[in-house]
Amino acid sequence: MSSPKTLYQKHIDSHTVCSLDEQGHVLLYIDRQVINEYTSPQAFSGLREAGRQVWRPGTALAVVDHVNPTAPERTAVMPDAGGARQVSYLSRNCQDFGIELLDILDKRQGIEHVIAPEQGFILPGMVIAAGDSHTTTYGALGAFGFGIGTSEIEHLLASQTLVYKRLKTMRVRVVGALSPGLTSKDVIMALIGQIGASGATGFAIEFVGSTIDALSVEARMTMCNMAVEAGARGAFMAPDQKVFDYLEGKPRAPKGEQWRRAVAVWRNLHSDEGAVFDHEVTLDVSRLLPMVTWGTSPDQVVAIDGQVPDPLQVSDLILRRDMQRALTYMGLKAGEPLNEVVISHAFIGSCTNARIEDLRDAARVIGGRRVAPHVRAMVVPGSTEVRDQAEAEGLAAIFRDAGFEWRQSGCSMCLAMNDDVLAPGDRCASSTNRNFEGRQGAGARTHLMSPAMVAAAAISGHLTDVRQIGERV
C-alpha cells in the first residue's frame, strides 16, 4: 500500500511529467495561467525572437490591472506613456498568439486574482502559475497556485510546463472562534507576526482547523493571498461544500453531468489520514484582537491596543537594526500607542481585500458616518463585477455619502504603478498586502489592516479599534 500523502504531494504528483534529478526537481504540467500587462512583455518578446507559438492559448487568460487608472469614469486612455505601451503590447500579443484578453473596457475586467476565481477559471485540483507572487490566492479553491518570473512565463507559454522543485510541507492549524470585528486578515497577519516574514520560506502551507472551516471562500482567499508574506511559495485549503457552492454556476465552471463528476473527484482532494508534514504550526485565535502593522514588513505587526515596539528590548542585533530602520522610515517612536497614530489616507482595495464581502464589511462600519476632514479615503473594487454588485446593493452610496472616492477596479494604490500614489510622509491605513518602503509611493507610510479597520481609521482620522466604532448597518 502507498504511504499517506499530503494534499500538496497529491497536487504535484498528479502534474509531474517526469522527475529530473534526485534533488526534487520535476517537469511540472501547468493547467492554467493568468497574464497581466506588467510581467508578460519580455516573455512574449522572447517567443517572437525564438519563432515560437503559445502551446495551449486556451489555458491562458490575460487582463489589464496593474497600470490602468482607477478614476471614477473609465476610459481606455492610459495617461502614462509607459503604461500605455504595456497595455498596447499586451493587446497585440493576445491577438497574435490567440489568448483571450479582458481589456480595460471589458465588463469582466479587474485584478487578476479577483477575476480568475469569479469567472470560474480556477478549479479545485488545478496547478496554476502566473507572473505575480499572490497567485497563492487560488489555494482557497483547492488549487495550487504560485508566482513565477518572466523567463518562466515564456517557458510556460511555449510548453505548458515548468521546471519545478518540490517544497517542504507545513500544516497550519487555526482553531478558535473569531470575536465580532475580527476577520481572516487579522488571522493571517497574526500568523505572519508569529512565524516571521521568512517563517514559511521553502514551504507550501496547508491551512486546516475549525476556524478555516468557518470562513467564507472570499475570506480564505485573503489567507492564501497573504501567506506569501511569510515566505510561502504556495498555500491552500482542501475544497469543501462552500467551495463547490461558490464555483457552481460560474461562467467557466463545468455544467450538468460534468459538474457532478467534477465535484465527486474534488471531494477526494484532501490530505490523507496519517500524512506527515515537515513542520506543524498551531494558532489559537479565540482571543485575537484586530491587527495592525507598525513597520515596513508584514511581520512587524501588533494588536491595535498595543504600542510601537522598542528595538532596545530585542537582543538580536540584526532584528534590532531592522526595527530601528522601520521606525525611522515610519516616523514612529517606541512606546507610542498605535491607536493614537494619525493617518492622512485610507485605502480599501487590492487582490487581498477588494471583494464584495470586504466592501460589505467596511460599509457596515461606515453607516451614516463621515470620513475625517483631513483624510483622503478611496475604495477601489477588485473587479468591475464587484463594483457593479456593490452599486446594486447600495454599498457605493454608503461610501460616497461618507466621503470616500468610489473608483474603478485595478491594483491602484496597492503598489502605486498608476496615478494612485502617496506623497512622501503620507500615512495610509490600507487593506493591501505589503507595507514595504515606497510600496505606495516614495517615502509613503503604510499600515496594513482589514477593510473594516480601514473604515474605522478613515472615520476617526487615526488608527482605531473597529470594535470601539461599532457597526451602523
Protein backbone atom coordinates (compact mmCIF):
# COMPACT_ATOMS: atom_id res chain seq x y z
CA MET A 1 0.00 0.00 0.00
CA SER A 2 1.19 3.53 -0.75
CA SER A 3 2.08 5.89 2.08
CA PRO A 4 -0.43 8.57 3.08
CA LYS A 5 0.04 11.78 1.10
CA THR A 6 -0.46 15.43 1.85
CA LEU A 7 -2.68 17.46 -0.43
CA TYR A 8 0.42 19.24 -1.72
CA GLN A 9 2.01 15.93 -2.69
CA LYS A 10 -1.16 14.93 -4.49
CA HIS A 11 -1.16 18.18 -6.47
CA ILE A 12 2.45 17.83 -7.53
CA ASP A 13 2.40 14.07 -8.19
CA SER A 14 -0.69 14.36 -10.41
CA HIS A 15 1.00 17.07 -12.51
CA THR A 16 4.54 15.69 -12.75
CA VAL A 17 5.53 14.87 -16.31
CA CYS A 18 8.85 13.40 -15.23
CA SER A 19 11.44 13.63 -12.48
CA LEU A 20 14.63 15.48 -13.39
CA ASP A 21 17.05 14.70 -10.55
CA GLU A 22 17.40 13.41 -7.01
CA GLN A 23 17.09 16.92 -5.51
CA GLY A 24 13.35 17.12 -6.11
CA HIS A 25 13.26 18.89 -9.47
CA VAL A 26 10.44 17.79 -11.77
CA LEU A 27 8.94 18.88 -15.05
CA LEU A 28 5.54 20.10 -13.89
CA TYR A 29 2.44 20.41 -16.07
CA ILE A 30 0.54 23.66 -15.50
CA ASP A 31 -3.21 23.68 -16.07
CA ARG A 32 -3.78 27.40 -16.45
CA GLN A 33 -2.12 30.77 -16.15
CA VAL A 34 -3.23 34.37 -15.81
CA ILE A 35 -1.26 37.06 -17.66
CA ASN A 36 -1.05 40.78 -16.95
CA GLU A 37 0.41 43.73 -18.81
CA TYR A 38 3.20 44.28 -16.30
CA THR A 39 5.08 40.97 -16.07
CA SER A 40 4.47 39.48 -19.53
CA PRO A 41 6.08 41.78 -22.17
CA GLN A 42 9.57 40.23 -22.12
CA ALA A 43 8.09 36.73 -22.23
CA PHE A 44 6.20 37.45 -25.44
CA SER A 45 9.21 39.18 -26.91
CA GLY A 46 11.23 36.04 -26.19
CA LEU A 47 8.68 33.90 -28.02
CA ARG A 48 8.84 36.17 -31.04
CA GLU A 49 12.62 36.19 -31.14
CA ALA A 50 12.69 32.38 -30.98
CA GLY A 51 9.90 31.98 -33.53
CA ARG A 52 7.74 30.00 -31.09
CA GLN A 53 3.97 29.88 -30.66
CA VAL A 54 1.96 29.57 -27.47
CA TRP A 55 1.42 25.84 -26.98
CA ARG A 56 -2.10 25.97 -25.49
CA PRO A 57 -3.50 29.51 -25.75
CA GLY A 58 -6.86 28.42 -24.37
CA THR A 59 -5.31 27.77 -20.97
CA ALA A 60 -4.28 31.41 -20.55
CA LEU A 61 -6.35 34.43 -19.62
CA ALA A 62 -4.97 37.96 -19.91
CA VAL A 63 -6.07 41.05 -18.00
CA VAL A 64 -5.09 44.69 -17.61
CA ASP A 65 -4.90 45.53 -13.91
CA HIS A 66 -1.56 46.98 -12.71
CA VAL A 67 -1.05 50.23 -14.62
CA ASN A 68 -4.55 51.32 -15.56
CA PRO A 69 -6.11 54.42 -13.97
CA THR A 70 -8.95 53.88 -11.50
CA ALA A 71 -10.63 57.26 -11.98
CA PRO A 72 -14.42 57.15 -11.38
CA GLU A 73 -15.11 57.48 -15.11
CA ARG A 74 -13.39 54.72 -17.04
CA THR A 75 -11.77 55.28 -20.43
CA ALA A 76 -9.32 53.25 -22.48
CA VAL A 77 -6.80 56.10 -22.45
CA MET A 78 -3.64 55.47 -20.42
CA PRO A 79 -2.24 58.83 -19.27
CA ASP A 80 1.18 57.32 -18.53
CA ALA A 81 3.20 56.66 -21.69
CA GLY A 82 4.95 53.61 -20.25
CA GLY A 83 1.68 52.09 -19.09
CA ALA A 84 0.10 52.81 -22.45
CA ARG A 85 2.87 50.89 -24.20
CA GLN A 86 2.46 47.92 -21.86
CA VAL A 87 -1.29 47.79 -22.39
CA SER A 88 -0.94 48.17 -26.16
CA TYR A 89 1.71 45.45 -26.34
CA LEU A 90 -0.43 43.06 -24.28
CA SER A 91 -3.32 43.62 -26.69
CA ARG A 92 -1.07 42.93 -29.66
CA ASN A 93 0.38 39.82 -28.02
CA CYS A 94 -3.03 38.37 -27.19
CA GLN A 95 -4.22 38.98 -30.74
CA ASP A 96 -1.10 37.48 -32.33
CA PHE A 97 -0.93 34.43 -30.05
CA GLY A 98 -4.66 33.71 -29.69
CA ILE A 99 -5.07 34.49 -25.98
CA GLU A 100 -8.30 35.88 -24.56
CA LEU A 101 -7.90 39.38 -23.14
CA LEU A 102 -10.17 41.13 -20.65
CA ASP A 103 -9.14 44.64 -21.56
CA ILE A 104 -9.77 47.83 -19.67
CA LEU A 105 -13.31 48.33 -21.01
CA ASP A 106 -14.42 44.70 -20.61
CA LYS A 107 -17.22 44.29 -18.04
CA ARG A 108 -15.22 41.37 -16.55
CA GLN A 109 -12.04 43.43 -16.08
CA GLY A 110 -10.40 43.56 -12.69
CA ILE A 111 -7.43 42.45 -10.62
CA GLU A 112 -6.25 39.07 -11.88
CA HIS A 113 -6.60 37.28 -8.54
CA VAL A 114 -10.15 38.57 -8.17
CA ILE A 115 -11.45 37.97 -11.68
CA ALA A 116 -9.98 34.49 -12.20
CA PRO A 117 -11.96 32.92 -9.32
CA GLU A 118 -15.13 34.90 -10.02
CA GLN A 119 -15.09 33.71 -13.64
CA GLY A 120 -14.62 30.06 -12.59
CA PHE A 121 -11.27 29.98 -14.38
CA ILE A 122 -9.66 28.37 -11.30
CA LEU A 123 -10.95 24.96 -10.20
CA PRO A 124 -10.01 22.52 -7.42
CA GLY A 125 -7.10 20.23 -8.20
CA MET A 126 -5.55 22.57 -10.77
CA VAL A 127 -1.97 23.79 -10.69
CA ILE A 128 -1.75 27.46 -11.64
CA ALA A 129 1.31 29.62 -12.31
CA ALA A 130 1.37 33.33 -13.07
CA GLY A 131 3.74 36.27 -13.05
CA ASP A 132 2.60 37.57 -9.68
CA SER A 133 3.58 36.30 -6.24
CA HIS A 134 -0.02 36.47 -4.96
CA THR A 135 -1.06 33.64 -7.27
CA THR A 136 -1.18 31.72 -3.98
CA THR A 137 -4.69 33.20 -3.63
CA TYR A 138 -6.11 30.32 -5.67
CA GLY A 139 -5.36 27.84 -2.89
CA ALA A 140 -8.64 28.88 -1.29
CA LEU A 141 -10.39 26.92 -4.07
CA GLY A 142 -8.35 23.79 -3.53
CA ALA A 143 -5.99 24.62 -6.41
CA PHE A 144 -2.24 25.09 -6.08
CA GLY A 145 -1.02 28.45 -7.32
CA PHE A 146 2.43 30.04 -7.28
CA GLY A 147 4.18 33.03 -8.78
CA ILE A 148 6.86 32.82 -11.48
CA GLY A 149 9.32 35.14 -13.21
CA THR A 150 9.35 36.45 -16.75
CA SER A 151 11.63 33.74 -18.17
CA GLU A 152 9.36 31.11 -16.64
CA ILE A 153 6.32 32.78 -18.17
CA GLU A 154 7.96 32.40 -21.58
CA HIS A 155 8.74 28.72 -20.91
CA LEU A 156 5.19 28.12 -19.73
CA LEU A 157 3.64 29.80 -22.76
CA ALA A 158 5.80 27.74 -25.10
CA SER A 159 5.48 24.34 -23.43
CA GLN A 160 2.70 24.35 -20.79
CA THR A 161 5.31 23.06 -18.33
CA LEU A 162 7.84 24.41 -15.83
CA VAL A 163 10.94 23.07 -14.18
CA TYR A 164 9.87 22.98 -10.56
CA LYS A 165 11.46 21.99 -7.26
CA ARG A 166 9.30 20.29 -4.69
CA LEU A 167 8.72 22.24 -1.49
CA LYS A 168 8.59 21.13 2.10
CA THR A 169 5.14 20.97 3.67
CA MET A 170 3.77 22.97 6.57
CA ARG A 171 0.41 22.39 8.20
CA VAL A 172 -1.03 25.44 9.93
CA ARG A 173 -3.89 24.51 12.24
CA VAL A 174 -6.08 27.50 13.11
CA VAL A 175 -8.54 26.98 15.95
CA GLY A 176 -10.94 29.10 17.97
CA ALA A 177 -13.92 31.27 17.12
CA LEU A 178 -13.23 34.79 15.88
CA SER A 179 -14.72 37.57 18.01
CA PRO A 180 -17.01 40.15 16.36
CA GLY A 181 -14.99 42.64 14.33
CA LEU A 182 -12.23 40.12 13.58
CA THR A 183 -11.58 38.79 10.07
CA SER A 184 -9.31 36.43 8.19
CA LYS A 185 -7.00 39.41 7.54
CA ASP A 186 -6.34 39.58 11.28
CA VAL A 187 -5.70 35.83 11.36
CA ILE A 188 -3.12 35.80 8.58
CA MET A 189 -1.40 38.91 9.95
CA ALA A 190 -1.19 37.26 13.36
CA LEU A 191 0.33 34.15 11.78
CA ILE A 192 2.93 36.20 9.87
CA GLY A 193 3.78 38.00 13.08
CA GLN A 194 4.17 34.66 14.87
CA ILE A 195 6.39 32.83 12.37
CA GLY A 196 8.06 35.83 10.69
CA ALA A 197 8.38 37.11 7.14
CA SER A 198 10.61 34.16 6.23
CA GLY A 199 8.99 31.61 8.52
CA ALA A 200 7.46 29.65 5.64
CA THR A 201 10.28 30.06 3.11
CA GLY A 202 10.70 26.80 1.21
CA PHE A 203 7.28 25.53 2.32
CA ALA A 204 3.82 25.04 0.93
CA ILE A 205 1.23 25.76 3.62
CA GLU A 206 -1.95 23.78 4.12
CA PHE A 207 -4.43 25.59 6.36
CA VAL A 208 -6.70 23.38 8.45
CA GLY A 209 -8.82 23.67 11.58
CA SER A 210 -12.21 24.79 12.82
CA THR A 211 -11.51 28.47 12.13
CA ILE A 212 -10.72 27.78 8.49
CA ASP A 213 -13.84 25.64 8.11
CA ALA A 214 -15.96 28.54 9.37
CA LEU A 215 -14.51 31.10 6.94
CA SER A 216 -16.18 32.05 3.68
CA VAL A 217 -14.37 31.31 0.43
CA GLU A 218 -13.53 35.00 -0.03
CA ALA A 219 -12.06 35.16 3.48
CA ARG A 220 -9.96 32.10 2.70
CA MET A 221 -8.63 33.87 -0.40
CA THR A 222 -7.29 36.60 1.89
CA MET A 223 -5.46 33.96 3.95
CA CYS A 224 -3.88 32.27 0.95
CA ASN A 225 -3.07 35.58 -0.70
CA MET A 226 -1.01 36.83 2.23
CA ALA A 227 0.69 33.53 3.04
CA VAL A 228 3.39 34.59 0.58
CA GLU A 229 4.25 37.42 3.01
CA ALA A 230 5.54 34.72 5.36
CA GLY A 231 7.71 33.36 2.55
CA ALA A 232 5.40 30.53 1.44
CA ARG A 233 5.58 29.56 -2.24
CA GLY A 234 2.10 28.12 -2.05
CA ALA A 235 -0.89 27.96 0.31
CA PHE A 236 -4.20 26.18 0.12
CA MET A 237 -7.11 24.54 1.89
CA ALA A 238 -8.89 21.34 0.99
CA PRO A 239 -12.01 22.21 -1.03
CA ASP A 240 -15.33 21.71 0.75
CA GLN A 241 -19.01 22.32 0.09
CA LYS A 242 -18.51 26.08 0.47
CA VAL A 243 -16.05 26.00 -2.41
CA PHE A 244 -18.37 23.91 -4.57
CA ASP A 245 -21.26 26.29 -3.87
CA TYR A 246 -19.05 29.27 -4.69
CA LEU A 247 -17.98 27.80 -8.04
CA GLU A 248 -21.28 26.33 -9.20
CA GLY A 249 -22.77 28.44 -11.95
CA LYS A 250 -19.61 30.48 -12.56
CA PRO A 251 -19.16 31.24 -16.29
CA ARG A 252 -16.23 28.87 -16.84
CA ALA A 253 -17.15 26.18 -14.32
CA PRO A 254 -18.31 22.78 -15.62
CA LYS A 255 -22.05 22.34 -16.16
CA GLY A 256 -24.53 19.49 -15.83
CA GLU A 257 -23.10 16.00 -15.69
CA GLN A 258 -19.55 17.32 -15.98
CA TRP A 259 -20.13 19.38 -12.85
CA ARG A 260 -21.44 16.40 -10.88
CA ARG A 261 -18.49 14.26 -11.93
CA ALA A 262 -16.04 17.03 -11.11
CA VAL A 263 -17.42 17.52 -7.60
CA ALA A 264 -17.20 13.76 -6.97
CA VAL A 265 -13.48 13.93 -7.79
CA TRP A 266 -12.88 17.17 -5.88
CA ARG A 267 -14.25 15.66 -2.66
CA ASN A 268 -11.14 13.48 -2.54
CA LEU A 269 -8.79 16.47 -2.60
CA HIS A 270 -7.53 16.41 0.97
CA SER A 271 -4.53 15.19 2.89
CA ASP A 272 -4.71 11.51 3.80
CA GLU A 273 -5.12 10.43 7.39
CA GLY A 274 -1.62 9.91 8.78
CA ALA A 275 0.11 12.10 6.18
CA VAL A 276 3.31 13.54 7.59
CA PHE A 277 4.17 17.24 7.31
CA ASP A 278 7.66 18.66 7.59
CA HIS A 279 6.51 21.32 10.03
CA GLU A 280 3.40 21.98 12.12
CA VAL A 281 2.11 25.31 13.48
CA THR A 282 -0.94 25.95 15.65
CA LEU A 283 -2.65 29.32 16.02
CA ASP A 284 -5.45 29.86 18.55
CA VAL A 285 -7.48 32.90 17.52
CA SER A 286 -10.09 32.77 20.26
CA ARG A 287 -8.54 35.83 21.96
CA LEU A 288 -7.20 37.50 18.84
CA LEU A 289 -7.51 41.30 18.59
CA PRO A 290 -7.58 43.40 15.40
CA MET A 291 -4.07 43.54 13.97
CA VAL A 292 -2.15 46.49 12.50
CA THR A 293 1.39 46.73 11.13
CA TRP A 294 3.67 49.36 12.63
CA GLY A 295 6.77 48.87 10.46
CA THR A 296 7.86 48.15 6.91
CA SER A 297 7.39 44.38 6.81
CA PRO A 298 4.14 42.44 7.23
CA ASP A 299 5.59 40.63 10.25
CA GLN A 300 6.11 43.93 12.09
CA VAL A 301 2.59 43.73 13.45
CA VAL A 302 0.84 44.06 16.81
CA ALA A 303 -2.72 44.27 18.11
CA ILE A 304 -4.41 47.65 17.81
CA ASP A 305 -4.42 48.11 21.60
CA GLY A 306 -0.62 47.71 21.69
CA GLN A 307 2.31 50.06 21.43
CA VAL A 308 5.09 50.54 18.91
CA PRO A 309 7.78 48.02 19.99
CA ASP A 310 11.11 49.13 21.43
CA PRO A 311 14.12 47.83 19.44
CA LEU A 312 16.28 48.08 22.55
CA GLN A 313 14.21 45.29 24.10
CA VAL A 314 15.31 42.92 21.32
CA SER A 315 18.58 41.00 21.80
CA ASP A 316 19.05 40.00 18.13
CA LEU A 317 21.22 42.78 16.70
CA ILE A 318 20.08 42.27 13.10
CA LEU A 319 16.43 42.33 14.12
CA ARG A 320 17.07 45.39 16.28
CA ARG A 321 18.65 47.20 13.34
CA ASP A 322 15.70 46.35 11.10
CA MET A 323 13.26 47.63 13.70
CA GLN A 324 15.16 50.87 14.14
CA ARG A 325 15.22 51.44 10.39
CA ALA A 326 11.48 50.76 10.19
CA LEU A 327 10.71 53.21 13.00
CA THR A 328 12.78 55.91 11.31
CA TYR A 329 11.04 55.38 7.98
CA MET A 330 7.58 55.24 9.55
CA GLY A 331 8.16 58.30 11.71
CA LEU A 332 7.16 56.50 14.89
CA LYS A 333 8.65 56.25 18.38
CA ALA A 334 8.96 53.19 20.59
CA GLY A 335 6.14 53.06 23.13
CA GLU A 336 3.77 55.17 21.06
CA PRO A 337 0.18 53.82 21.31
CA LEU A 338 -0.91 52.59 17.90
CA ASN A 339 -4.45 53.86 18.33
CA GLU A 340 -3.11 57.43 18.53
CA VAL A 341 -1.29 57.36 15.18
CA VAL A 342 -2.91 59.93 12.87
CA ILE A 343 -3.43 58.98 9.21
CA SER A 344 -3.75 61.12 6.09
CA HIS A 345 -5.15 58.47 3.73
CA ALA A 346 -7.35 55.38 3.84
CA PHE A 347 -7.35 52.80 1.05
CA ILE A 348 -9.68 49.84 0.58
CA GLY A 349 -8.61 47.69 -2.37
CA SER A 350 -6.10 45.12 -3.74
CA CYS A 351 -6.20 41.41 -4.57
CA THR A 352 -6.17 40.77 -0.81
CA ASN A 353 -9.29 42.66 0.25
CA ALA A 354 -11.42 44.18 -2.52
CA ARG A 355 -14.11 41.54 -2.99
CA ILE A 356 -17.79 42.11 -2.31
CA GLU A 357 -17.56 40.63 1.18
CA ASP A 358 -14.77 43.09 2.06
CA LEU A 359 -16.80 46.06 0.84
CA ARG A 360 -19.81 44.91 2.84
CA ASP A 361 -17.66 44.69 5.98
CA ALA A 362 -16.39 48.24 5.52
CA ALA A 363 -19.84 49.63 4.67
CA ARG A 364 -21.32 48.17 7.86
CA VAL A 365 -18.77 50.14 9.89
CA ILE A 366 -19.31 53.38 7.98
CA GLY A 367 -23.09 53.53 8.22
CA GLY A 368 -24.06 57.21 8.17
CA ARG A 369 -20.72 58.48 9.45
CA ARG A 370 -18.32 60.77 7.62
CA VAL A 371 -14.63 60.45 6.79
CA ALA A 372 -12.47 62.70 8.99
CA PRO A 373 -11.87 66.07 7.30
CA HIS A 374 -8.10 65.62 6.99
CA VAL A 375 -8.30 62.11 5.45
CA ARG A 376 -8.47 61.24 1.76
CA ALA A 377 -10.32 57.92 1.53
CA MET A 378 -10.62 55.66 -1.52
CA VAL A 379 -12.42 52.45 -2.39
CA VAL A 380 -11.13 50.56 -5.44
CA PRO A 381 -13.23 47.41 -6.08
CA GLY A 382 -11.35 44.30 -7.12
CA SER A 383 -13.27 43.92 -10.36
CA THR A 384 -15.88 45.63 -12.47
CA GLU A 385 -18.36 42.92 -11.50
CA VAL A 386 -17.68 43.59 -7.80
CA ARG A 387 -18.16 47.31 -8.46
CA ASP A 388 -21.47 46.71 -10.23
CA GLN A 389 -22.69 44.42 -7.45
CA ALA A 390 -21.70 46.94 -4.77
CA GLU A 391 -23.65 49.64 -6.57
CA ALA A 392 -26.69 47.37 -6.86
CA GLU A 393 -26.54 46.62 -3.12
CA GLY A 394 -26.28 50.28 -2.18
CA LEU A 395 -22.74 49.99 -0.83
CA ALA A 396 -21.35 52.54 -3.27
CA ALA A 397 -23.81 55.14 -2.00
CA ILE A 398 -22.69 54.48 1.58
CA PHE A 399 -19.07 55.06 0.61
CA ARG A 400 -19.81 58.17 -1.45
CA ASP A 401 -22.04 59.71 1.23
CA ALA A 402 -19.28 59.15 3.80
CA GLY A 403 -16.74 60.99 1.66
CA PHE A 404 -14.90 58.05 0.11
CA GLU A 405 -13.85 58.23 -3.52
CA TRP A 406 -15.67 55.43 -5.36
CA ARG A 407 -13.35 54.35 -8.15
CA GLN A 408 -12.96 51.80 -10.96
CA SER A 409 -11.20 48.45 -10.50
CA GLY A 410 -7.46 47.87 -10.63
CA CYS A 411 -4.40 47.27 -8.46
CA SER A 412 -4.27 51.01 -7.78
CA MET A 413 -2.55 52.22 -4.61
CA CYS A 414 -1.51 48.72 -3.56
CA LEU A 415 1.72 49.20 -5.50
CA ALA A 416 1.35 52.71 -6.92
CA MET A 417 2.03 51.84 -10.56
CA ASN A 418 -0.64 54.20 -11.85
CA ASP A 419 -1.56 57.70 -10.70
CA ASP A 420 -2.86 56.49 -7.30
CA VAL A 421 0.33 57.34 -5.42
CA LEU A 422 1.03 58.67 -1.94
CA ALA A 423 3.43 61.56 -1.38
CA PRO A 424 6.45 61.38 0.94
CA GLY A 425 5.29 61.44 4.55
CA ASP A 426 1.69 60.46 3.78
CA ARG A 427 0.38 57.83 6.19
CA CYS A 428 -2.17 55.34 4.91
CA ALA A 429 -4.47 52.84 6.59
CA SER A 430 -4.53 50.17 3.90
CA SER A 431 -6.26 46.85 3.25
CA THR A 432 -3.39 45.75 0.99
CA ASN A 433 -0.78 43.03 1.47
CA ARG A 434 2.59 44.80 1.66
CA ASN A 435 3.93 47.74 3.63
CA PHE A 436 7.48 47.85 2.23
CA GLU A 437 9.35 51.13 1.97
CA GLY A 438 7.99 53.05 -1.02
CA ARG A 439 5.32 50.44 -1.80
CA GLN A 440 2.53 53.03 -2.05
CA GLY A 441 4.83 55.84 -3.14
CA ALA A 442 8.33 57.06 -2.33
CA GLY A 443 8.50 57.97 1.34
CA ALA A 444 4.90 56.92 1.96
CA ARG A 445 3.99 55.09 5.18
CA THR A 446 1.62 52.12 5.11
CA HIS A 447 -0.26 50.41 7.94
CA LEU A 448 -1.86 47.10 6.91
CA MET A 449 -5.22 46.06 8.39
CA SER A 450 -8.62 44.66 7.46
CA PRO A 451 -11.12 46.66 5.35
CA ALA A 452 -13.31 47.20 8.42
CA MET A 453 -10.31 48.58 10.30
CA VAL A 454 -9.51 50.89 7.37
CA ALA A 455 -13.07 52.20 7.50
CA ALA A 456 -12.77 52.82 11.23
CA ALA A 457 -9.49 54.67 10.76
CA ALA A 458 -10.94 56.80 7.96
CA ILE A 459 -13.83 57.88 10.18
CA SER A 460 -11.77 58.62 13.29
CA GLY A 461 -8.76 60.05 11.47
CA HIS A 462 -6.33 57.76 13.29
CA LEU A 463 -5.66 54.06 13.73
CA THR A 464 -8.68 52.77 15.62
CA ASP A 465 -10.07 49.56 17.05
CA VAL A 466 -13.08 48.83 14.85
CA ARG A 467 -14.83 47.25 17.83
CA GLN A 468 -14.95 50.66 19.51
CA ILE A 469 -16.58 52.20 16.44
CA GLY A 470 -19.22 49.52 16.07
CA GLU A 471 -21.37 48.68 13.08
CA ARG A 472 -24.08 51.06 11.90
CA VAL A 473 -25.67 48.99 9.11
